[in-house]
PDB file of all heavy atoms in Angstrom:
ATOM      1  N   ASP A   1     100.530  93.002 111.004  1.00  0.00           N
ATOM      2  CA  ASP A   1     101.268  91.836 110.515  1.00  0.00           C
ATOM      3  C   ASP A   1     102.617  91.796 111.232  1.00  0.00           C
ATOM      4  O   ASP A   1     103.650  92.127 110.671  1.00  0.00           O
ATOM      5  CB  ASP A   1     101.436  91.920 109.003  1.00  0.00           C
ATOM      6  CG  ASP A   1     101.809  90.576 108.403  1.00  0.00           C
ATOM      7  OD1 ASP A   1     101.920  89.591 109.160  1.00  0.00           O
ATOM      8  OD2 ASP A   1     101.978  90.513 107.173  1.00  0.00           O
ATOM      9  N   SER A   2     102.550  91.390 112.491  1.00  0.00           N
ATOM     10  CA  SER A   2     103.709  91.443 113.368  1.00  0.00           C
ATOM     11  C   SER A   2     104.199  90.044 113.718  1.00  0.00           C
ATOM     12  O   SER A   2     103.389  89.131 113.930  1.00  0.00           O
ATOM     13  CB  SER A   2     103.316  92.178 114.653  1.00  0.00           C
ATOM     14  OG  SER A   2     104.206  91.879 115.694  1.00  0.00           O
ATOM     15  N   PRO A   3     105.511  89.879 113.834  1.00  0.00           N
ATOM     16  CA  PRO A   3     106.055  88.580 114.241  1.00  0.00           C
ATOM     17  C   PRO A   3     105.744  88.241 115.703  1.00  0.00           C
ATOM     18  O   PRO A   3     105.994  87.122 116.143  1.00  0.00           O
ATOM     19  CB  PRO A   3     107.559  88.735 114.010  1.00  0.00           C
ATOM     20  CG  PRO A   3     107.816  90.203 114.069  1.00  0.00           C
ATOM     21  CD  PRO A   3     106.564  90.865 113.564  1.00  0.00           C
ATOM     22  N   LEU A   4     105.183  89.191 116.443  1.00  0.00           N
ATOM     23  CA  LEU A   4     104.829  88.936 117.838  1.00  0.00           C
ATOM     24  C   LEU A   4     103.381  88.499 118.000  1.00  0.00           C
ATOM     25  O   LEU A   4     103.082  87.630 118.810  1.00  0.00           O
ATOM     26  CB  LEU A   4     105.061  90.197 118.687  1.00  0.00           C
ATOM     27  CG  LEU A   4     106.482  90.741 118.726  1.00  0.00           C
ATOM     28  CD1 LEU A   4     106.549  92.017 119.553  1.00  0.00           C
ATOM     29  CD2 LEU A   4     107.431  89.692 119.285  1.00  0.00           C
ATOM     30  N   THR A   5     102.468  89.100 117.248  1.00  0.00           N
ATOM     31  CA  THR A   5     101.047  88.833 117.483  1.00  0.00           C
ATOM     32  C   THR A   5     100.454  87.757 116.582  1.00  0.00           C
ATOM     33  O   THR A   5      99.685  86.925 117.051  1.00  0.00           O
ATOM     34  CB  THR A   5     100.215  90.124 117.348  1.00  0.00           C
ATOM     35  OG1 THR A   5     100.483  90.720 116.090  1.00  0.00           O
ATOM     36  CG2 THR A   5     100.528  91.094 118.451  1.00  0.00           C
ATOM     37  N   VAL A   6     100.781  87.754 115.308  1.00  0.00           N
ATOM     38  CA  VAL A   6     100.181  86.774 114.396  1.00  0.00           C
ATOM     39  C   VAL A   6     100.472  85.340 114.848  1.00  0.00           C
ATOM     40  O   VAL A   6      99.546  84.524 114.942  1.00  0.00           O
ATOM     41  CB  VAL A   6     100.595  87.028 112.929  1.00  0.00           C
ATOM     42  CG1 VAL A   6     100.136  85.888 112.026  1.00  0.00           C
ATOM     43  CG2 VAL A   6     100.019  88.360 112.449  1.00  0.00           C
ATOM     44  N   PRO A   7     101.714  84.989 115.181  1.00  0.00           N
ATOM     45  CA  PRO A   7     101.959  83.611 115.646  1.00  0.00           C
ATOM     46  C   PRO A   7     101.194  83.267 116.931  1.00  0.00           C
ATOM     47  O   PRO A   7     100.754  82.127 117.098  1.00  0.00           O
ATOM     48  CB  PRO A   7     103.475  83.569 115.881  1.00  0.00           C
ATOM     49  CG  PRO A   7     104.017  84.640 114.994  1.00  0.00           C
ATOM     50  CD  PRO A   7     102.964  85.724 115.000  1.00  0.00           C
ATOM     51  N   PHE A   8     101.011  84.234 117.822  1.00  0.00           N
ATOM     52  CA  PHE A   8     100.233  83.994 119.041  1.00  0.00           C
ATOM     53  C   PHE A   8      98.810  83.568 118.673  1.00  0.00           C
ATOM     54  O   PHE A   8      98.302  82.565 119.179  1.00  0.00           O
ATOM     55  CB  PHE A   8     100.197  85.240 119.928  1.00  0.00           C
ATOM     56  CG  PHE A   8      99.149  85.163 121.001  1.00  0.00           C
ATOM     57  CD1 PHE A   8      99.366  84.416 122.149  1.00  0.00           C
ATOM     58  CD2 PHE A   8      97.924  85.798 120.843  1.00  0.00           C
ATOM     59  CE1 PHE A   8      98.385  84.316 123.130  1.00  0.00           C
ATOM     60  CE2 PHE A   8      96.935  85.701 121.810  1.00  0.00           C
ATOM     61  CZ  PHE A   8      97.171  84.956 122.968  1.00  0.00           C
ATOM     62  N   TYR A   9      98.170  84.330 117.806  1.00  0.00           N
ATOM     63  CA  TYR A   9      96.796  84.005 117.431  1.00  0.00           C
ATOM     64  C   TYR A   9      96.713  82.682 116.670  1.00  0.00           C
ATOM     65  O   TYR A   9      95.772  81.913 116.844  1.00  0.00           O
ATOM     66  CB  TYR A   9      96.157  85.148 116.650  1.00  0.00           C
ATOM     67  CG  TYR A   9      95.841  86.322 117.539  1.00  0.00           C
ATOM     68  CD1 TYR A   9      96.495  87.537 117.398  1.00  0.00           C
ATOM     69  CD2 TYR A   9      94.896  86.212 118.554  1.00  0.00           C
ATOM     70  CE1 TYR A   9      96.212  88.604 118.237  1.00  0.00           C
ATOM     71  CE2 TYR A   9      94.612  87.272 119.399  1.00  0.00           C
ATOM     72  CZ  TYR A   9      95.268  88.465 119.236  1.00  0.00           C
ATOM     73  OH  TYR A   9      94.991  89.508 120.073  1.00  0.00           O
ATOM     74  N   GLU A  10      97.702  82.413 115.839  1.00  0.00           N
ATOM     75  CA  GLU A  10      97.707  81.129 115.129  1.00  0.00           C
ATOM     76  C   GLU A  10      97.812  79.964 116.116  1.00  0.00           C
ATOM     77  O   GLU A  10      97.141  78.943 115.960  1.00  0.00           O
ATOM     78  CB  GLU A  10      98.833  81.102 114.092  1.00  0.00           C
ATOM     79  CG  GLU A  10      98.552  82.040 112.930  1.00  0.00           C
ATOM     80  CD  GLU A  10      99.692  82.185 111.940  1.00  0.00           C
ATOM     81  OE1 GLU A  10     100.870  81.946 112.309  1.00  0.00           O
ATOM     82  OE2 GLU A  10      99.409  82.554 110.784  1.00  0.00           O
ATOM     83  N   LYS A  11      98.595  80.128 117.166  1.00  0.00           N
ATOM     84  CA  LYS A  11      98.700  79.086 118.199  1.00  0.00           C
ATOM     85  C   LYS A  11      97.378  78.926 118.959  1.00  0.00           C
ATOM     86  O   LYS A  11      97.131  77.872 119.539  1.00  0.00           O
ATOM     87  CB  LYS A  11      99.818  79.418 119.182  1.00  0.00           C
ATOM     88  CG  LYS A  11     101.199  79.210 118.628  1.00  0.00           C
ATOM     89  CD  LYS A  11     102.252  79.606 119.630  1.00  0.00           C
ATOM     90  CE  LYS A  11     103.631  79.550 118.997  1.00  0.00           C
ATOM     91  NZ  LYS A  11     104.672  80.086 119.885  1.00  0.00           N
ATOM     92  N   CYS A  12      96.558  79.962 118.957  1.00  0.00           N
ATOM     93  CA  CYS A  12      95.250  79.912 119.618  1.00  0.00           C
ATOM     94  C   CYS A  12      94.149  79.400 118.673  1.00  0.00           C
ATOM     95  O   CYS A  12      92.970  79.479 119.005  1.00  0.00           O
ATOM     96  CB  CYS A  12      94.874  81.294 120.148  1.00  0.00           C
ATOM     97  SG  CYS A  12      95.868  81.847 121.543  1.00  0.00           S
ATOM     98  N   GLY A  13      94.515  78.916 117.500  1.00  0.00           N
ATOM     99  CA  GLY A  13      93.550  78.309 116.596  1.00  0.00           C
ATOM    100  C   GLY A  13      92.991  79.216 115.516  1.00  0.00           C
ATOM    101  O   GLY A  13      92.078  78.827 114.788  1.00  0.00           O
ATOM    102  N   PHE A  14      93.522  80.416 115.379  1.00  0.00           N
ATOM    103  CA  PHE A  14      93.070  81.348 114.341  1.00  0.00           C
ATOM    104  C   PHE A  14      93.826  81.082 113.047  1.00  0.00           C
ATOM    105  O   PHE A  14      94.981  80.666 113.069  1.00  0.00           O
ATOM    106  CB  PHE A  14      93.334  82.796 114.765  1.00  0.00           C
ATOM    107  CG  PHE A  14      92.474  83.299 115.883  1.00  0.00           C
ATOM    108  CD1 PHE A  14      92.787  83.014 117.208  1.00  0.00           C
ATOM    109  CD2 PHE A  14      91.360  84.076 115.623  1.00  0.00           C
ATOM    110  CE1 PHE A  14      92.011  83.485 118.247  1.00  0.00           C
ATOM    111  CE2 PHE A  14      90.570  84.562 116.656  1.00  0.00           C
ATOM    112  CZ  PHE A  14      90.890  84.261 117.971  1.00  0.00           C
ATOM    113  N   THR A  15      93.165  81.361 111.920  1.00  0.00           N
ATOM    114  CA  THR A  15      93.822  81.306 110.614  1.00  0.00           C
ATOM    115  C   THR A  15      93.580  82.631 109.899  1.00  0.00           C
ATOM    116  O   THR A  15      92.569  83.311 110.142  1.00  0.00           O
ATOM    117  CB  THR A  15      93.284  80.149 109.745  1.00  0.00           C
ATOM    118  OG1 THR A  15      91.869  80.286 109.598  1.00  0.00           O
ATOM    119  CG2 THR A  15      93.606  78.805 110.369  1.00  0.00           C
ATOM    120  N   ARG A  16      94.487  82.975 109.015  1.00  0.00           N
ATOM    121  CA  ARG A  16      94.371  84.246 108.289  1.00  0.00           C
ATOM    122  C   ARG A  16      93.105  84.262 107.440  1.00  0.00           C
ATOM    123  O   ARG A  16      92.798  83.288 106.771  1.00  0.00           O
ATOM    124  CB  ARG A  16      95.594  84.485 107.410  1.00  0.00           C
ATOM    125  CG  ARG A  16      96.833  84.825 108.213  1.00  0.00           C
ATOM    126  CD  ARG A  16      98.042  84.983 107.291  1.00  0.00           C
ATOM    127  NE  ARG A  16      99.241  85.219 108.059  1.00  0.00           N
ATOM    128  CZ  ARG A  16      99.888  86.390 108.093  1.00  0.00           C
ATOM    129  NH1 ARG A  16      99.445  87.407 107.381  1.00  0.00           N
ATOM    130  NH2 ARG A  16     100.972  86.530 108.810  1.00  0.00           N
ATOM    131  N   SER A  17      92.432  85.410 107.468  1.00  0.00           N
ATOM    132  CA  SER A  17      91.186  85.562 106.723  1.00  0.00           C
ATOM    133  C   SER A  17      91.355  86.563 105.582  1.00  0.00           C
ATOM    134  O   SER A  17      91.191  86.226 104.425  1.00  0.00           O
ATOM    135  CB  SER A  17      90.075  86.019 107.665  1.00  0.00           C
ATOM    136  OG  SER A  17      88.932  86.399 106.967  1.00  0.00           O
ATOM    137  N   HIS A  18      91.676  87.807 105.927  1.00  0.00           N
ATOM    138  CA  HIS A  18      91.816  88.842 104.911  1.00  0.00           C
ATOM    139  C   HIS A  18      92.669  89.985 105.454  1.00  0.00           C
ATOM    140  O   HIS A  18      93.011  90.004 106.633  1.00  0.00           O
ATOM    141  CB  HIS A  18      90.452  89.350 104.439  1.00  0.00           C
ATOM    142  CG  HIS A  18      89.619  89.964 105.524  1.00  0.00           C
ATOM    143  ND1 HIS A  18      88.933  89.225 106.471  1.00  0.00           N
ATOM    144  CD2 HIS A  18      89.353  91.267 105.814  1.00  0.00           C
ATOM    145  CE1 HIS A  18      88.291  90.035 107.292  1.00  0.00           C
ATOM    146  NE2 HIS A  18      88.527  91.283 106.920  1.00  0.00           N
ATOM    147  N   VAL A  19      92.991  90.924 104.583  1.00  0.00           N
ATOM    148  CA  VAL A  19      93.861  92.054 104.919  1.00  0.00           C
ATOM    149  C   VAL A  19      93.164  93.350 104.543  1.00  0.00           C
ATOM    150  O   VAL A  19      92.538  93.447 103.488  1.00  0.00           O
ATOM    151  CB  VAL A  19      95.213  91.942 104.165  1.00  0.00           C
ATOM    152  CG1 VAL A  19      96.067  93.189 104.357  1.00  0.00           C
ATOM    153  CG2 VAL A  19      95.971  90.688 104.605  1.00  0.00           C
ATOM    154  N   VAL A  20      93.280  94.346 105.408  1.00  0.00           N
ATOM    155  CA  VAL A  20      92.827  95.698 105.089  1.00  0.00           C
ATOM    156  C   VAL A  20      94.102  96.524 104.873  1.00  0.00           C
ATOM    157  O   VAL A  20      94.840  96.825 105.815  1.00  0.00           O
ATOM    158  CB  VAL A  20      91.955  96.303 106.218  1.00  0.00           C
ATOM    159  CG1 VAL A  20      91.573  97.736 105.877  1.00  0.00           C
ATOM    160  CG2 VAL A  20      90.724  95.442 106.458  1.00  0.00           C
ATOM    161  N   LYS A  21      94.344  96.844 103.608  1.00  0.00           N
ATOM    162  CA  LYS A  21      95.566  97.560 103.236  1.00  0.00           C
ATOM    163  C   LYS A  21      95.627  98.944 103.871  1.00  0.00           C
ATOM    164  O   LYS A  21      94.625  99.652 103.950  1.00  0.00           O
ATOM    165  CB  LYS A  21      95.649  97.705 101.709  1.00  0.00           C
ATOM    166  CG  LYS A  21      95.898  96.403 100.996  1.00  0.00           C
ATOM    167  CD  LYS A  21      97.320  96.001 101.188  1.00  0.00           C
ATOM    168  CE  LYS A  21      97.729  94.903 100.240  1.00  0.00           C
ATOM    169  NZ  LYS A  21      99.037  94.386 100.595  1.00  0.00           N
ATOM    170  N   ASN A  22      96.814  99.305 104.317  1.00  0.00           N
ATOM    171  CA  ASN A  22      97.125 100.646 104.834  1.00  0.00           C
ATOM    172  C   ASN A  22      96.287 101.070 106.044  1.00  0.00           C
ATOM    173  O   ASN A  22      96.165 102.257 106.319  1.00  0.00           O
ATOM    174  CB  ASN A  22      97.009 101.700 103.726  1.00  0.00           C
ATOM    175  CG  ASN A  22      97.938 101.399 102.579  1.00  0.00           C
ATOM    176  OD1 ASN A  22      99.109 101.065 102.780  1.00  0.00           O
ATOM    177  ND2 ASN A  22      97.413 101.470 101.373  1.00  0.00           N
ATOM    178  N   PHE A  23      95.716 100.126 106.766  1.00  0.00           N
ATOM    179  CA  PHE A  23      94.858 100.479 107.899  1.00  0.00           C
ATOM    180  C   PHE A  23      95.602 101.348 108.909  1.00  0.00           C
ATOM    181  O   PHE A  23      95.089 102.374 109.356  1.00  0.00           O
ATOM    182  CB  PHE A  23      94.324  99.220 108.596  1.00  0.00           C
ATOM    183  CG  PHE A  23      93.432  99.530 109.758  1.00  0.00           C
ATOM    184  CD1 PHE A  23      92.080  99.762 109.573  1.00  0.00           C
ATOM    185  CD2 PHE A  23      93.940  99.632 111.047  1.00  0.00           C
ATOM    186  CE1 PHE A  23      91.251 100.083 110.644  1.00  0.00           C
ATOM    187  CE2 PHE A  23      93.131  99.954 112.125  1.00  0.00           C
ATOM    188  CZ  PHE A  23      91.779 100.176 111.917  1.00  0.00           C
ATOM    189  N   PHE A  24      96.786 100.943 109.293  1.00  0.00           N
ATOM    190  CA  PHE A  24      97.506 101.674 110.351  1.00  0.00           C
ATOM    191  C   PHE A  24      98.018 103.023 109.867  1.00  0.00           C
ATOM    192  O   PHE A  24      98.001 103.994 110.619  1.00  0.00           O
ATOM    193  CB  PHE A  24      98.644 100.811 110.912  1.00  0.00           C
ATOM    194  CG  PHE A  24      98.128  99.635 111.694  1.00  0.00           C
ATOM    195  CD1 PHE A  24      98.046  98.384 111.116  1.00  0.00           C
ATOM    196  CD2 PHE A  24      97.684  99.789 112.996  1.00  0.00           C
ATOM    197  CE1 PHE A  24      97.543  97.304 111.829  1.00  0.00           C
ATOM    198  CE2 PHE A  24      97.181  98.721 113.716  1.00  0.00           C
ATOM    199  CZ  PHE A  24      97.101  97.466 113.133  1.00  0.00           C
ATOM    200  N   THR A  25      98.412 103.111 108.612  1.00  0.00           N
ATOM    201  CA  THR A  25      98.892 104.400 108.097  1.00  0.00           C
ATOM    202  C   THR A  25      97.734 105.349 107.823  1.00  0.00           C
ATOM    203  O   THR A  25      97.886 106.564 107.920  1.00  0.00           O
ATOM    204  CB  THR A  25      99.751 104.203 106.834  1.00  0.00           C
ATOM    205  OG1 THR A  25      99.033 103.411 105.891  1.00  0.00           O
ATOM    206  CG2 THR A  25     101.070 103.531 107.174  1.00  0.00           C
ATOM    207  N   ASP A  26      96.549 104.809 107.512  1.00  0.00           N
ATOM    208  CA  ASP A  26      95.384 105.650 107.228  1.00  0.00           C
ATOM    209  C   ASP A  26      94.631 106.100 108.486  1.00  0.00           C
ATOM    210  O   ASP A  26      93.975 107.137 108.460  1.00  0.00           O
ATOM    211  CB  ASP A  26      94.388 104.916 106.322  1.00  0.00           C
ATOM    212  CG  ASP A  26      94.900 104.741 104.902  1.00  0.00           C
ATOM    213  OD1 ASP A  26      95.913 105.380 104.540  1.00  0.00           O
ATOM    214  OD2 ASP A  26      94.294 103.940 104.160  1.00  0.00           O
ATOM    215  N   HIS A  27      94.687 105.319 109.575  1.00  0.00           N
ATOM    216  CA  HIS A  27      93.842 105.593 110.741  1.00  0.00           C
ATOM    217  C   HIS A  27      94.579 106.042 111.998  1.00  0.00           C
ATOM    218  O   HIS A  27      93.927 106.422 112.974  1.00  0.00           O
ATOM    219  CB  HIS A  27      93.000 104.358 111.079  1.00  0.00           C
ATOM    220  CG  HIS A  27      91.982 104.052 110.041  1.00  0.00           C
ATOM    221  ND1 HIS A  27      92.231 103.198 108.997  1.00  0.00           N
ATOM    222  CD2 HIS A  27      90.735 104.507 109.869  1.00  0.00           C
ATOM    223  CE1 HIS A  27      91.159 103.127 108.222  1.00  0.00           C
ATOM    224  NE2 HIS A  27      90.243 103.910 108.721  1.00  0.00           N
ATOM    225  N   TYR A  28      95.887 105.999 111.996  1.00  0.00           N
ATOM    226  CA  TYR A  28      96.636 106.399 113.182  1.00  0.00           C
ATOM    227  C   TYR A  28      97.438 107.646 112.875  1.00  0.00           C
ATOM    228  O   TYR A  28      97.905 107.839 111.754  1.00  0.00           O
ATOM    229  CB  TYR A  28      97.544 105.254 113.657  1.00  0.00           C
ATOM    230  CG  TYR A  28      96.750 104.158 114.341  1.00  0.00           C
ATOM    231  CD1 TYR A  28      96.040 103.223 113.601  1.00  0.00           C
ATOM    232  CD2 TYR A  28      96.676 104.089 115.722  1.00  0.00           C
ATOM    233  CE1 TYR A  28      95.287 102.243 114.207  1.00  0.00           C
ATOM    234  CE2 TYR A  28      95.927 103.107 116.350  1.00  0.00           C
ATOM    235  CZ  TYR A  28      95.228 102.182 115.581  1.00  0.00           C
ATOM    236  OH  TYR A  28      94.477 101.228 116.191  1.00  0.00           O
ATOM    237  N   ASP A  29      97.607 108.470 113.900  1.00  0.00           N
ATOM    238  CA  ASP A  29      98.276 109.759 113.686  1.00  0.00           C
ATOM    239  C   ASP A  29      99.796 109.671 113.813  1.00  0.00           C
ATOM    240  O   ASP A  29     100.484 110.685 113.770  1.00  0.00           O
ATOM    241  CB  ASP A  29      97.714 110.823 114.644  1.00  0.00           C
ATOM    242  CG  ASP A  29      97.935 110.495 116.119  1.00  0.00           C
ATOM    243  OD1 ASP A  29      98.696 109.558 116.440  1.00  0.00           O
ATOM    244  OD2 ASP A  29      97.329 111.187 116.962  1.00  0.00           O
ATOM    245  N   HIS A  30     100.321 108.473 113.983  1.00  0.00           N
ATOM    246  CA  HIS A  30     101.760 108.261 114.081  1.00  0.00           C
ATOM    247  C   HIS A  30     102.085 106.835 113.627  1.00  0.00           C
ATOM    248  O   HIS A  30     101.210 105.976 113.650  1.00  0.00           O
ATOM    249  CB  HIS A  30     102.242 108.492 115.524  1.00  0.00           C
ATOM    250  CG  HIS A  30     101.654 107.524 116.507  1.00  0.00           C
ATOM    251  ND1 HIS A  30     100.353 107.627 116.972  1.00  0.00           N
ATOM    252  CD2 HIS A  30     102.174 106.412 117.085  1.00  0.00           C
ATOM    253  CE1 HIS A  30     100.116 106.624 117.806  1.00  0.00           C
ATOM    254  NE2 HIS A  30     101.191 105.884 117.898  1.00  0.00           N
ATOM    255  N   PRO A  31     103.322 106.598 113.223  1.00  0.00           N
ATOM    256  CA  PRO A  31     103.708 105.238 112.822  1.00  0.00           C
ATOM    257  C   PRO A  31     103.642 104.294 114.032  1.00  0.00           C
ATOM    258  O   PRO A  31     104.020 104.664 115.139  1.00  0.00           O
ATOM    259  CB  PRO A  31     105.147 105.383 112.329  1.00  0.00           C
ATOM    260  CG  PRO A  31     105.338 106.837 112.071  1.00  0.00           C
ATOM    261  CD  PRO A  31     104.405 107.557 113.004  1.00  0.00           C
ATOM    262  N   ILE A  32     103.170 103.084 113.800  1.00  0.00           N
ATOM    263  CA  ILE A  32     103.063 102.070 114.846  1.00  0.00           C
ATOM    264  C   ILE A  32     104.118 101.000 114.546  1.00  0.00           C
ATOM    265  O   ILE A  32     104.167 100.479 113.433  1.00  0.00           O
ATOM    266  CB  ILE A  32     101.671 101.408 114.853  1.00  0.00           C
ATOM    267  CG1 ILE A  32     100.548 102.434 114.910  1.00  0.00           C
ATOM    268  CG2 ILE A  32     101.573 100.361 115.962  1.00  0.00           C
ATOM    269  CD1 ILE A  32     100.252 103.008 116.238  1.00  0.00           C
ATOM    270  N   PHE A  33     104.931 100.684 115.541  1.00  0.00           N
ATOM    271  CA  PHE A  33     105.955  99.652 115.401  1.00  0.00           C
ATOM    272  C   PHE A  33     105.713  98.553 116.419  1.00  0.00           C
ATOM    273  O   PHE A  33     105.343  98.828 117.568  1.00  0.00           O
ATOM    274  CB  PHE A  33     107.358 100.238 115.621  1.00  0.00           C
ATOM    275  CG  PHE A  33     107.806 101.155 114.519  1.00  0.00           C
ATOM    276  CD1 PHE A  33     107.504 102.501 114.563  1.00  0.00           C
ATOM    277  CD2 PHE A  33     108.533 100.657 113.442  1.00  0.00           C
ATOM    278  CE1 PHE A  33     107.905 103.358 113.548  1.00  0.00           C
ATOM    279  CE2 PHE A  33     108.936 101.512 112.426  1.00  0.00           C
ATOM    280  CZ  PHE A  33     108.627 102.859 112.478  1.00  0.00           C
ATOM    281  N   GLU A  34     105.910  97.323 115.986  1.00  0.00           N
ATOM    282  CA  GLU A  34     105.804  96.196 116.900  1.00  0.00           C
ATOM    283  C   GLU A  34     106.833  95.156 116.492  1.00  0.00           C
ATOM    284  O   GLU A  34     106.905  94.780 115.322  1.00  0.00           O
ATOM    285  CB  GLU A  34     104.396  95.593 116.851  1.00  0.00           C
ATOM    286  CG  GLU A  34     104.170  94.545 117.921  1.00  0.00           C
ATOM    287  CD  GLU A  34     102.732  94.096 117.986  1.00  0.00           C
ATOM    288  OE1 GLU A  34     101.859  94.944 118.240  1.00  0.00           O
ATOM    289  OE2 GLU A  34     102.493  92.903 117.767  1.00  0.00           O
ATOM    290  N   GLY A  35     107.621  94.734 117.444  1.00  0.00           N
ATOM    291  CA  GLY A  35     108.659  93.749 117.135  1.00  0.00           C
ATOM    292  C   GLY A  35     109.637  94.239 116.094  1.00  0.00           C
ATOM    293  O   GLY A  35     110.146  93.453 115.309  1.00  0.00           O
ATOM    294  N   GLY A  36     109.880  95.563 116.063  1.00  0.00           N
ATOM    295  CA  GLY A  36     110.810  96.142 115.109  1.00  0.00           C
ATOM    296  C   GLY A  36     110.254  96.317 113.705  1.00  0.00           C
ATOM    297  O   GLY A  36     110.973  96.704 112.796  1.00  0.00           O
ATOM    298  N   VAL A  37     108.964  96.054 113.525  1.00  0.00           N
ATOM    299  CA  VAL A  37     108.325  96.149 112.213  1.00  0.00           C
ATOM    300  C   VAL A  37     107.280  97.258 112.241  1.00  0.00           C
ATOM    301  O   VAL A  37     106.469  97.327 113.164  1.00  0.00           O
ATOM    302  CB  VAL A  37     107.629  94.805 111.852  1.00  0.00           C
ATOM    303  CG1 VAL A  37     106.846  94.915 110.562  1.00  0.00           C
ATOM    304  CG2 VAL A  37     108.636  93.676 111.786  1.00  0.00           C
ATOM    305  N   GLN A  38     107.308  98.148 111.230  1.00  0.00           N
ATOM    306  CA  GLN A  38     106.251  99.160 111.144  1.00  0.00           C
ATOM    307  C   GLN A  38     104.992  98.500 110.621  1.00  0.00           C
ATOM    308  O   GLN A  38     105.001  97.809 109.598  1.00  0.00           O
ATOM    309  CB  GLN A  38     106.628 100.326 110.232  1.00  0.00           C
ATOM    310  CG  GLN A  38     105.525 101.377 110.209  1.00  0.00           C
ATOM    311  CD  GLN A  38     105.847 102.620 109.400  1.00  0.00           C
ATOM    312  OE1 GLN A  38     106.944 102.768 108.886  1.00  0.00           O
ATOM    313  NE2 GLN A  38     104.877 103.503 109.295  1.00  0.00           N
ATOM    314  N   LEU A  39     103.895  98.712 111.348  1.00  0.00           N
ATOM    315  CA  LEU A  39     102.624  98.134 110.953  1.00  0.00           C
ATOM    316  C   LEU A  39     101.966  99.018 109.910  1.00  0.00           C
ATOM    317  O   LEU A  39     101.840 100.224 110.100  1.00  0.00           O
ATOM    318  CB  LEU A  39     101.706  97.974 112.167  1.00  0.00           C
ATOM    319  CG  LEU A  39     102.276  97.154 113.328  1.00  0.00           C
ATOM    320  CD1 LEU A  39     101.245  97.037 114.439  1.00  0.00           C
ATOM    321  CD2 LEU A  39     102.747  95.800 112.864  1.00  0.00           C
TER     322      LEU A  39
END
């Protein structure tokens, strides 16, 4: 849920469908940051 990627996909005709809670914290071995936001 990043201010860099979500708007890009929305401009390409995508709309929000659903959310998988804690995906990045549960599946990655380190914190992921994009656009200054922790995913």
